[in-house]
């Protein structure tokens, strides 16, 4: 009987090509992050300009909307407490 001889293949690493790929990938990631930062800065600037052009500041607008919601909630609760039969009839 003959014995089978196995050829052991060696893997050769092209370190120059691998290094180039890693460097280019790193540069691409860095450029992408710079692009994201520039985009975020531009968007923040647009938002700031839009807020400054509003007649009513956003904080005051939020305060007004919260007061309206609070009043509507109080009115609904008051109606529920003082007119339970009417409120129950509307559920059906």
Protein backbone atom coordinates (compact mmCIF):
# COMPACT_ATOMS: atom_id res chain seq x y z
CA UNK A 1 0.00 0.00 0.00
CA UNK A 2 1.09 3.48 -0.80
CA UNK A 3 0.90 6.25 1.64
CA UNK A 4 -0.74 9.50 0.57
CA UNK A 5 1.47 12.45 1.09
CA UNK A 6 -0.23 15.67 1.90
CA UNK A 7 1.17 18.88 0.58
CA UNK A 8 1.15 21.50 3.23
CA UNK A 9 0.20 24.76 1.59
CA UNK A 10 1.60 27.86 3.15
CA UNK A 11 -0.35 31.05 3.26
CA UNK A 12 1.66 34.09 2.46
CA UNK A 13 0.49 37.36 3.90
CA UNK A 14 0.99 40.40 1.73
CA UNK A 15 1.60 42.82 4.59
CA UNK A 16 2.01 45.81 2.31
CA UNK A 17 -1.42 45.27 0.76
CA UNK A 18 -3.00 44.63 4.16
CA UNK A 19 -1.45 47.76 5.64
CA UNK A 20 -2.61 49.84 2.69
CA UNK A 21 -6.14 48.52 3.09
CA UNK A 22 -6.21 49.29 6.81
CA UNK A 23 -4.87 52.80 6.26
CA UNK A 24 -7.40 53.53 3.51
CA UNK A 25 -10.27 52.15 5.60
CA UNK A 26 -9.15 54.31 8.52
CA UNK A 27 -8.99 57.39 6.32
CA UNK A 28 -12.45 56.60 4.94
CA UNK A 29 -13.87 56.31 8.46
CA UNK A 30 -12.23 59.58 9.49
CA UNK A 31 -13.65 61.35 6.43
CA UNK A 32 -17.08 59.90 7.18
CA UNK A 33 -16.94 61.18 10.75
CA UNK A 34 -15.88 64.61 9.54
CA UNK A 35 -18.82 64.60 7.11
CA UNK A 36 -21.23 63.68 9.90
CA UNK A 37 -19.82 66.46 12.11
CA UNK A 38 -20.16 69.04 9.33
CA UNK A 39 -23.72 67.94 8.58
CA UNK A 40 -24.70 68.11 12.25
CA UNK A 41 -23.19 71.58 12.54
CA UNK A 42 -25.11 72.79 9.49
CA UNK A 43 -28.37 71.28 10.78
CA UNK A 44 -27.87 72.92 14.19
CA UNK A 45 -27.25 76.26 12.49
CA UNK A 46 -30.44 75.92 10.44
CA UNK A 47 -32.43 75.00 13.56
CA UNK A 48 -30.98 77.99 15.44
CA UNK A 49 -31.93 80.35 12.61
CA UNK A 50 -35.45 78.90 12.44
CA UNK A 51 -35.93 79.30 16.21
CA UNK A 52 -34.71 82.90 16.09
CA UNK A 53 -37.24 83.71 13.34
CA UNK A 54 -40.22 82.46 15.34
CA UNK A 55 -42.56 85.09 16.81
CA UNK A 56 -43.05 83.04 19.97
CA UNK A 57 -40.02 81.30 21.52
CA UNK A 58 -40.30 77.49 21.68
CA UNK A 59 -40.26 77.50 25.49
CA UNK A 60 -43.21 79.88 25.62
CA UNK A 61 -45.05 77.85 22.96
CA UNK A 62 -44.49 74.68 25.00
CA UNK A 63 -45.69 76.45 28.14
CA UNK A 64 -48.89 77.55 26.35
CA UNK A 65 -49.57 74.06 24.97
CA UNK A 66 -48.99 72.51 28.40
CA UNK A 67 -51.45 74.98 29.96
CA UNK A 68 -54.05 74.06 27.32
CA UNK A 69 -53.55 70.34 27.92
CA UNK A 70 -53.77 70.84 31.68
CA UNK A 71 -57.02 72.80 31.32
CA UNK A 72 -58.51 70.17 29.00
CA UNK A 73 -57.57 67.40 31.43
CA UNK A 74 -59.12 69.28 34.35
CA UNK A 75 -62.31 69.92 32.35
CA UNK A 76 -62.56 66.26 31.38
CA UNK A 77 -62.02 65.10 34.96
CA UNK A 78 -64.57 67.62 36.24
CA UNK A 79 -67.15 66.44 33.70
CA UNK A 80 -66.49 62.82 34.63
CA UNK A 81 -66.94 63.56 38.35
CA UNK A 82 -70.06 65.73 38.07
CA UNK A 83 -71.88 63.96 35.23
CA UNK A 84 -71.11 60.24 35.54
CA UNK A 85 -74.34 59.08 33.85
CA UNK A 86 -73.77 61.30 30.82
CA UNK A 87 -70.15 60.25 30.56
CA UNK A 88 -71.09 56.56 30.79
CA UNK A 89 -73.68 57.00 28.02
CA UNK A 90 -71.02 58.38 25.66
CA UNK A 91 -68.84 55.31 26.06
CA UNK A 92 -71.31 53.06 24.25
